[in-house]
Amino acid sequence: MTATKTANGLIKIMIADDHPIFRQGLIHTFSETVDIDVVGEVENGDDLLDQLIESGANLVLLDISMPGKSALEVLKNLRTHHSDIPVLMLSVYPEDQYAVRFIKTGASGYMTKESPAKELIDAIRKIARGGKFASPHIIEKLAFEFSNTDKHPHETLSDREFQVFNMISTGYSLTEIGEKLSLSVKTISTYRTRILEKMKMKKNAEIIHYAIQYNLT
């Protein structure tokens, strides 16, 4: 993989996160580094995709939970249209629940927002050099992903099924999900049926309970 630094060694970051205070905290942290510069900040995936090229960013910090397009959709778009720009996922959720899915989709790394600033800076520098960042536990999970015996039920869902699962768990109706994803209610209902079958459930209340149990919402 080609390193993303510019000729002068500067790592230019675009931050996509819907919490202004968190963005400002990151900007303050990076202001103390000589090789990392924040060239843009946005609060949703649509603005990120619209402003990325103009910003001149060569690395993206992407929150996994924002209004508008899901983080998985945004990540897939970035991998299709901006494959030379690495993406580091930031989340309040434990890495066990999301890291493998996002790294398999094309993220260069995954960190929780509780990580120390030094660890975040080290991860950014590693990714900018063309590397990957994940905990040893996640690396091990990726290495043995071929085995389904120790997977949680939600890990068997496709990306779209997982997206619908998340929206159901946060209280959206099938009609609302269809509107947000530009899909028919019938299609969303089909996804819901597949989700319930794969997870051996019968109703939405079980999805909501499961999501709470595993910190997925």
C-alpha atoms as a PDB file:
ATOM      1  CA  MET A   1       0.000   0.000   0.000  1.00  0.00           C
ATOM      2  CA  THR A   2       1.223   3.457  -0.837  1.00  0.00           C
ATOM      3  CA  ALA A   3       1.937   5.753   2.110  1.00  0.00           C
ATOM      4  CA  THR A   4      -0.377   8.719   2.319  1.00  0.00           C
ATOM      5  CA  LYS A   5       1.996  11.433   3.473  1.00  0.00           C
ATOM      6  CA  THR A   6       2.668  14.369   1.205  1.00  0.00           C
ATOM      7  CA  ALA A   7       6.162  15.247   0.094  1.00  0.00           C
ATOM      8  CA  ASN A   8       6.777  17.325   3.228  1.00  0.00           C
ATOM      9  CA  GLY A   9       5.671  14.492   5.484  1.00  0.00           C
ATOM     10  CA  LEU A  10       2.436  16.147   6.622  1.00  0.00           C
ATOM     11  CA  ILE A  11      -0.529  13.920   7.416  1.00  0.00           C
ATOM     12  CA  LYS A  12      -3.672  15.849   6.471  1.00  0.00           C
ATOM     13  CA  ILE A  13      -6.724  14.631   8.343  1.00  0.00           C
ATOM     14  CA  MET A  14     -10.448  15.004   7.763  1.00  0.00           C
ATOM     15  CA  ILE A  15     -12.524  14.339  10.899  1.00  0.00           C
ATOM     16  CA  ALA A  16     -16.069  13.019  10.444  1.00  0.00           C
ATOM     17  CA  ASP A  17     -17.938  12.998  13.754  1.00  0.00           C
ATOM     18  CA  ASP A  18     -21.272  14.476  14.796  1.00  0.00           C
ATOM     19  CA  HIS A  19     -20.061  15.638  18.225  1.00  0.00           C
ATOM     20  CA  PRO A  20     -18.471  19.136  18.018  1.00  0.00           C
ATOM     21  CA  ILE A  21     -16.798  18.845  21.420  1.00  0.00           C
ATOM     22  CA  PHE A  22     -15.111  15.597  20.434  1.00  0.00           C
ATOM     23  CA  ARG A  23     -13.926  17.111  17.141  1.00  0.00           C
ATOM     24  CA  GLN A  24     -12.487  20.096  18.974  1.00  0.00           C
ATOM     25  CA  GLY A  25     -10.719  17.766  21.374  1.00  0.00           C
ATOM     26  CA  LEU A  26      -9.070  15.972  18.470  1.00  0.00           C
ATOM     27  CA  ILE A  27      -8.064  19.254  16.853  1.00  0.00           C
ATOM     28  CA  HIS A  28      -6.461  20.363  20.115  1.00  0.00           C
ATOM     29  CA  THR A  29      -4.607  17.052  20.428  1.00  0.00           C
ATOM     30  CA  PHE A  30      -3.217  17.265  16.904  1.00  0.00           C
ATOM     31  CA  SER A  31      -2.230  20.913  17.323  1.00  0.00           C
ATOM     32  CA  GLU A  32       0.636  19.665  19.465  1.00  0.00           C
ATOM     33  CA  THR A  33       2.062  17.477  16.690  1.00  0.00           C
ATOM     34  CA  VAL A  34       4.310  18.705  13.881  1.00  0.00           C
ATOM     35  CA  ASP A  35       3.350  16.087  11.300  1.00  0.00           C
ATOM     36  CA  ILE A  36      -0.455  15.962  11.669  1.00  0.00           C
ATOM     37  CA  ASP A  37      -2.783  18.712  10.484  1.00  0.00           C
ATOM     38  CA  VAL A  38      -6.607  18.758  10.550  1.00  0.00           C
ATOM     39  CA  VAL A  39      -7.700  20.139   7.169  1.00  0.00           C
ATOM     40  CA  GLY A  40     -11.427  19.655   7.633  1.00  0.00           C
ATOM     41  CA  GLU A  41     -14.201  18.556   9.985  1.00  0.00           C
ATOM     42  CA  VAL A  42     -17.736  17.417   9.159  1.00  0.00           C
ATOM     43  CA  GLU A  43     -20.652  16.030  11.133  1.00  0.00           C
ATOM     44  CA  ASN A  44     -21.941  13.375   8.723  1.00  0.00           C
ATOM     45  CA  GLY A  45     -20.896  11.018   5.963  1.00  0.00           C
ATOM     46  CA  ASP A  46     -22.564  12.959   3.150  1.00  0.00           C
ATOM     47  CA  ASP A  47     -20.538  16.090   3.925  1.00  0.00           C
ATOM     48  CA  LEU A  48     -17.397  13.988   4.188  1.00  0.00           C
ATOM     49  CA  LEU A  49     -17.870  12.572   0.704  1.00  0.00           C
ATOM     50  CA  ASP A  50     -18.717  16.019  -0.688  1.00  0.00           C
ATOM     51  CA  GLN A  51     -15.764  17.841   0.847  1.00  0.00           C
ATOM     52  CA  LEU A  52     -13.016  15.213   0.956  1.00  0.00           C
ATOM     53  CA  ILE A  53     -11.231  16.018  -2.298  1.00  0.00           C
ATOM     54  CA  GLU A  54     -11.421  19.783  -1.867  1.00  0.00           C
ATOM     55  CA  SER A  55      -9.994  19.481   1.652  1.00  0.00           C
ATOM     56  CA  GLY A  56      -6.821  17.826   0.407  1.00  0.00           C
ATOM     57  CA  ALA A  57      -7.025  15.247   3.187  1.00  0.00           C
ATOM     58  CA  ASN A  58      -4.923  12.124   2.890  1.00  0.00           C
ATOM     59  CA  LEU A  59      -6.374  10.300   5.913  1.00  0.00           C
ATOM     60  CA  VAL A  60      -9.891  10.110   7.369  1.00  0.00           C
ATOM     61  CA  LEU A  61     -11.030   9.656  10.970  1.00  0.00           C
ATOM     62  CA  LEU A  62     -14.569   8.267  10.730  1.00  0.00           C
ATOM     63  CA  ASP A  63     -17.079   7.891  13.564  1.00  0.00           C
ATOM     64  CA  ILE A  64     -19.195   4.759  13.154  1.00  0.00           C
ATOM     65  CA  SER A  65     -22.429   6.384  14.333  1.00  0.00           C
ATOM     66  CA  MET A  66     -23.536   9.574  12.566  1.00  0.00           C
ATOM     67  CA  PRO A  67     -26.717  10.967  10.989  1.00  0.00           C
ATOM     68  CA  GLY A  68     -27.378  10.181   7.329  1.00  0.00           C
ATOM     69  CA  LYS A  69     -25.489   7.446   5.520  1.00  0.00           C
ATOM     70  CA  SER A  70     -24.297   4.603   7.708  1.00  0.00           C
ATOM     71  CA  ALA A  71     -20.574   4.375   8.399  1.00  0.00           C
ATOM     72  CA  LEU A  72     -20.432   1.126   6.429  1.00  0.00           C
ATOM     73  CA  GLU A  73     -21.947   2.845   3.384  1.00  0.00           C
ATOM     74  CA  VAL A  74     -19.526   5.758   3.697  1.00  0.00           C
ATOM     75  CA  LEU A  75     -16.579   3.409   4.099  1.00  0.00           C
ATOM     76  CA  LYS A  76     -17.559   1.398   1.026  1.00  0.00           C
ATOM     77  CA  ASN A  77     -17.863   4.630  -0.975  1.00  0.00           C
ATOM     78  CA  LEU A  78     -14.421   5.743   0.179  1.00  0.00           C
ATOM     79  CA  ARG A  79     -12.900   2.404  -0.771  1.00  0.00           C
ATOM     80  CA  THR A  80     -14.518   2.578  -4.216  1.00  0.00           C
ATOM     81  CA  HIS A  81     -13.758   6.196  -5.080  1.00  0.00           C
ATOM     82  CA  HIS A  82     -10.845   7.135  -2.789  1.00  0.00           C
ATOM     83  CA  SER A  83      -8.990   3.877  -2.284  1.00  0.00           C
ATOM     84  CA  ASP A  84      -5.695   5.711  -1.714  1.00  0.00           C
ATOM     85  CA  ILE A  85      -7.019   7.459   1.413  1.00  0.00           C
ATOM     86  CA  PRO A  86      -6.867   5.257   4.534  1.00  0.00           C
ATOM     87  CA  VAL A  87      -9.669   5.358   7.075  1.00  0.00           C
ATOM     88  CA  LEU A  88      -9.377   4.962  10.839  1.00  0.00           C
ATOM     89  CA  MET A  89     -12.679   4.150  12.525  1.00  0.00           C
ATOM     90  CA  LEU A  90     -13.453   5.770  15.882  1.00  0.00           C
ATOM     91  CA  SER A  91     -16.229   4.463  18.095  1.00  0.00           C
ATOM     92  CA  VAL A  92     -17.718   4.499  21.566  1.00  0.00           C
ATOM     93  CA  TYR A  93     -18.535   0.815  21.082  1.00  0.00           C
ATOM     94  CA  PRO A  94     -16.198  -2.029  22.142  1.00  0.00           C
ATOM     95  CA  GLU A  95     -14.015  -3.246  19.299  1.00  0.00           C
ATOM     96  CA  ASP A  96     -15.313  -6.795  19.743  1.00  0.00           C
ATOM     97  CA  GLN A  97     -18.649  -5.746  18.304  1.00  0.00           C
ATOM     98  CA  TYR A  98     -17.604  -3.779  15.214  1.00  0.00           C
ATOM     99  CA  ALA A  99     -13.883  -3.844  14.440  1.00  0.00           C
ATOM    100  CA  VAL A 100     -13.731  -7.024  12.366  1.00  0.00           C
ATOM    101  CA  ARG A 101     -16.680  -5.977  10.174  1.00  0.00           C
ATOM    102  CA  PHE A 102     -15.236  -2.532   9.442  1.00  0.00           C
ATOM    103  CA  ILE A 103     -11.680  -3.749   8.822  1.00  0.00           C
ATOM    104  CA  LYS A 104     -12.990  -6.428   6.468  1.00  0.00           C
ATOM    105  CA  THR A 105     -14.922  -3.697   4.644  1.00  0.00           C
ATOM    106  CA  GLY A 106     -11.736  -1.723   4.089  1.00  0.00           C
ATOM    107  CA  ALA A 107     -10.898   0.351   7.156  1.00  0.00           C
ATOM    108  CA  SER A 108      -7.210   0.622   7.958  1.00  0.00           C
ATOM    109  CA  GLY A 109      -7.871   0.499  11.672  1.00  0.00           C
ATOM    110  CA  TYR A 110     -10.367   0.697  14.518  1.00  0.00           C
ATOM    111  CA  MET A 111     -10.067   2.465  17.866  1.00  0.00           C
ATOM    112  CA  THR A 112     -12.440   3.271  20.702  1.00  0.00           C
ATOM    113  CA  LYS A 113     -12.834   6.914  21.656  1.00  0.00           C
ATOM    114  CA  GLU A 114     -11.517   6.102  25.115  1.00  0.00           C
ATOM    115  CA  SER A 115      -8.068   5.294  23.701  1.00  0.00           C
ATOM    116  CA  PRO A 116      -5.183   7.464  24.962  1.00  0.00           C
ATOM    117  CA  ALA A 117      -4.172  10.370  22.725  1.00  0.00           C
ATOM    118  CA  LYS A 118      -0.685   8.929  22.231  1.00  0.00           C
ATOM    119  CA  GLU A 119      -2.129   5.637  20.997  1.00  0.00           C
ATOM    120  CA  LEU A 120      -4.359   7.497  18.533  1.00  0.00           C
ATOM    121  CA  ILE A 121      -1.421   9.517  17.202  1.00  0.00           C
ATOM    122  CA  ASP A 122       0.712   6.375  16.873  1.00  0.00           C
ATOM    123  CA  ALA A 123      -2.137   4.645  15.005  1.00  0.00           C
ATOM    124  CA  ILE A 124      -2.521   7.569  12.597  1.00  0.00           C
ATOM    125  CA  ARG A 125       1.202   7.593  11.828  1.00  0.00           C
ATOM    126  CA  LYS A 126       1.229   3.838  11.263  1.00  0.00           C
ATOM    127  CA  ILE A 127      -1.761   3.988   8.926  1.00  0.00           C
ATOM    128  CA  ALA A 128      -0.273   6.951   7.059  1.00  0.00           C
ATOM    129  CA  ARG A 129       2.781   4.795   6.341  1.00  0.00           C
ATOM    130  CA  GLY A 130       0.527   2.181   4.752  1.00  0.00           C
ATOM    131  CA  GLY A 131       0.075  -0.022   7.800  1.00  0.00           C
ATOM    132  CA  LYS A 132      -2.931  -1.335   9.683  1.00  0.00           C
ATOM    133  CA  PHE A 133      -3.930  -0.744  13.275  1.00  0.00           C
ATOM    134  CA  ALA A 134      -5.890  -3.120  15.480  1.00  0.00           C
ATOM    135  CA  SER A 135      -5.484  -4.746  18.860  1.00  0.00           C
ATOM    136  CA  PRO A 136      -3.845  -8.195  19.006  1.00  0.00           C
ATOM    137  CA  HIS A 137      -7.259  -9.626  19.869  1.00  0.00           C
ATOM    138  CA  ILE A 138      -8.831  -8.261  16.680  1.00  0.00           C
ATOM    139  CA  ILE A 139      -5.887  -9.374  14.560  1.00  0.00           C
ATOM    140  CA  GLU A 140      -6.405 -12.875  15.920  1.00  0.00           C
ATOM    141  CA  LYS A 141     -10.129 -12.737  15.145  1.00  0.00           C
ATOM    142  CA  LEU A 142      -9.366 -11.654  11.582  1.00  0.00           C
ATOM    143  CA  ALA A 143      -6.845 -14.463  11.176  1.00  0.00           C
ATOM    144  CA  PHE A 144      -9.399 -17.083  12.212  1.00  0.00           C
ATOM    145  CA  GLU A 145     -12.448 -15.490  10.621  1.00  0.00           C
ATOM    146  CA  PHE A 146     -12.995 -18.597   8.481  1.00  0.00           C
ATOM    147  CA  SER A 147     -14.313 -20.423  11.546  1.00  0.00           C
ATOM    148  CA  ASN A 148     -17.972 -19.805  12.294  1.00  0.00           C
ATOM    149  CA  THR A 149     -18.084 -21.810  15.511  1.00  0.00           C
ATOM    150  CA  ASP A 150     -17.313 -18.932  17.856  1.00  0.00           C
ATOM    151  CA  LYS A 151     -19.209 -16.156  16.071  1.00  0.00           C
ATOM    152  CA  HIS A 152     -21.914 -14.138  17.756  1.00  0.00           C
ATOM    153  CA  PRO A 153     -25.227 -14.300  15.843  1.00  0.00           C
ATOM    154  CA  HIS A 154     -24.976 -10.678  14.628  1.00  0.00           C
ATOM    155  CA  GLU A 155     -21.591 -11.441  13.048  1.00  0.00           C
ATOM    156  CA  THR A 156     -23.301 -13.782  10.571  1.00  0.00           C
ATOM    157  CA  LEU A 157     -25.371 -10.931   9.103  1.00  0.00           C
ATOM    158  CA  SER A 158     -24.454  -9.321   5.784  1.00  0.00           C
ATOM    159  CA  ASP A 159     -23.531  -5.629   5.852  1.00  0.00           C
ATOM    160  CA  ARG A 160     -27.016  -4.590   4.700  1.00  0.00           C
ATOM    161  CA  GLU A 161     -28.700  -6.945   7.163  1.00  0.00           C
ATOM    162  CA  PHE A 162     -26.512  -5.571   9.936  1.00  0.00           C
ATOM    163  CA  GLN A 163     -27.485  -2.031   8.936  1.00  0.00           C
ATOM    164  CA  VAL A 164     -31.194  -2.887   9.072  1.00  0.00           C
ATOM    165  CA  PHE A 165     -30.629  -4.730  12.348  1.00  0.00           C
ATOM    166  CA  ASN A 166     -29.086  -1.592  13.870  1.00  0.00           C
ATOM    167  CA  MET A 167     -31.937   0.607  12.684  1.00  0.00           C
ATOM    168  CA  ILE A 168     -34.568  -1.770  14.058  1.00  0.00           C
ATOM    169  CA  SER A 169     -32.706  -1.891  17.371  1.00  0.00           C
ATOM    170  CA  THR A 170     -32.815   1.904  17.647  1.00  0.00           C
ATOM    171  CA  GLY A 171     -36.569   2.013  17.135  1.00  0.00           C
ATOM    172  CA  TYR A 172     -37.055   2.826  13.449  1.00  0.00           C
ATOM    173  CA  SER A 173     -40.140   1.357  11.770  1.00  0.00           C
ATOM    174  CA  LEU A 174     -39.783  -0.635   8.549  1.00  0.00           C
ATOM    175  CA  THR A 175     -41.276   2.308   6.641  1.00  0.00           C
ATOM    176  CA  GLU A 176     -38.750   4.735   8.139  1.00  0.00           C
ATOM    177  CA  ILE A 177     -35.867   2.367   7.390  1.00  0.00           C
ATOM    178  CA  GLY A 178     -37.036   2.030   3.798  1.00  0.00           C
ATOM    179  CA  GLU A 179     -37.181   5.810   3.409  1.00  0.00           C
ATOM    180  CA  LYS A 180     -33.701   6.301   4.859  1.00  0.00           C
ATOM    181  CA  LEU A 181     -32.153   3.560   2.725  1.00  0.00           C
ATOM    182  CA  SER A 182     -34.209   4.342  -0.399  1.00  0.00           C
ATOM    183  CA  LEU A 183     -35.601   0.815  -0.431  1.00  0.00           C
ATOM    184  CA  SER A 184     -39.173  -0.482  -0.505  1.00  0.00           C
ATOM    185  CA  VAL A 185     -40.892  -1.584   2.675  1.00  0.00           C
ATOM    186  CA  LYS A 186     -41.185  -5.047   1.125  1.00  0.00           C
ATOM    187  CA  THR A 187     -37.407  -5.224   0.704  1.00  0.00           C
ATOM    188  CA  ILE A 188     -36.816  -4.080   4.274  1.00  0.00           C
ATOM    189  CA  SER A 189     -39.343  -6.647   5.487  1.00  0.00           C
ATOM    190  CA  THR A 190     -37.382  -9.334   3.632  1.00  0.00           C
ATOM    191  CA  TYR A 191     -34.179  -8.217   5.349  1.00  0.00           C
ATOM    192  CA  ARG A 192     -35.965  -8.301   8.705  1.00  0.00           C
ATOM    193  CA  THR A 193     -37.134 -11.861   8.039  1.00  0.00           C
ATOM    194  CA  ARG A 194     -33.577 -12.949   7.189  1.00  0.00           C
ATOM    195  CA  ILE A 195     -32.245 -11.272  10.323  1.00  0.00           C
ATOM    196  CA  LEU A 196     -34.777 -13.017  12.555  1.00  0.00           C
ATOM    197  CA  GLU A 197     -34.060 -16.373  10.901  1.00  0.00           C
ATOM    198  CA  LYS A 198     -30.267 -16.053  11.186  1.00  0.00           C
ATOM    199  CA  MET A 199     -30.452 -14.910  14.783  1.00  0.00           C
ATOM    200  CA  LYS A 200     -33.167 -17.413  15.708  1.00  0.00           C
ATOM    201  CA  MET A 201     -35.550 -14.692  16.862  1.00  0.00           C
ATOM    202  CA  LYS A 202     -39.254 -14.057  16.367  1.00  0.00           C
ATOM    203  CA  LYS A 203     -39.872 -10.356  16.992  1.00  0.00           C
ATOM    204  CA  ASN A 204     -38.278  -6.909  17.058  1.00  0.00           C
ATOM    205  CA  ALA A 205     -38.222  -6.803  20.856  1.00  0.00           C
ATOM    206  CA  GLU A 206     -35.658  -9.614  20.810  1.00  0.00           C
ATOM    207  CA  ILE A 207     -33.483  -7.620  18.398  1.00  0.00           C
ATOM    208  CA  ILE A 208     -33.630  -4.604  20.701  1.00  0.00           C
ATOM    209  CA  HIS A 209     -32.791  -6.704  23.768  1.00  0.00           C
ATOM    210  CA  TYR A 210     -29.884  -8.369  21.968  1.00  0.00           C
ATOM    211  CA  ALA A 211     -28.484  -5.033  20.788  1.00  0.00           C
ATOM    212  CA  ILE A 212     -28.549  -3.682  24.335  1.00  0.00           C
ATOM    213  CA  GLN A 213     -26.974  -6.856  25.714  1.00  0.00           C
ATOM    214  CA  TYR A 214     -24.039  -6.688  23.294  1.00  0.00           C
ATOM    215  CA  ASN A 215     -23.609  -2.877  23.345  1.00  0.00           C
ATOM    216  CA  LEU A 216     -24.602  -2.564  19.697  1.00  0.00           C
ATOM    217  CA  THR A 217     -26.849   0.444  20.163  1.00  0.00           C
END
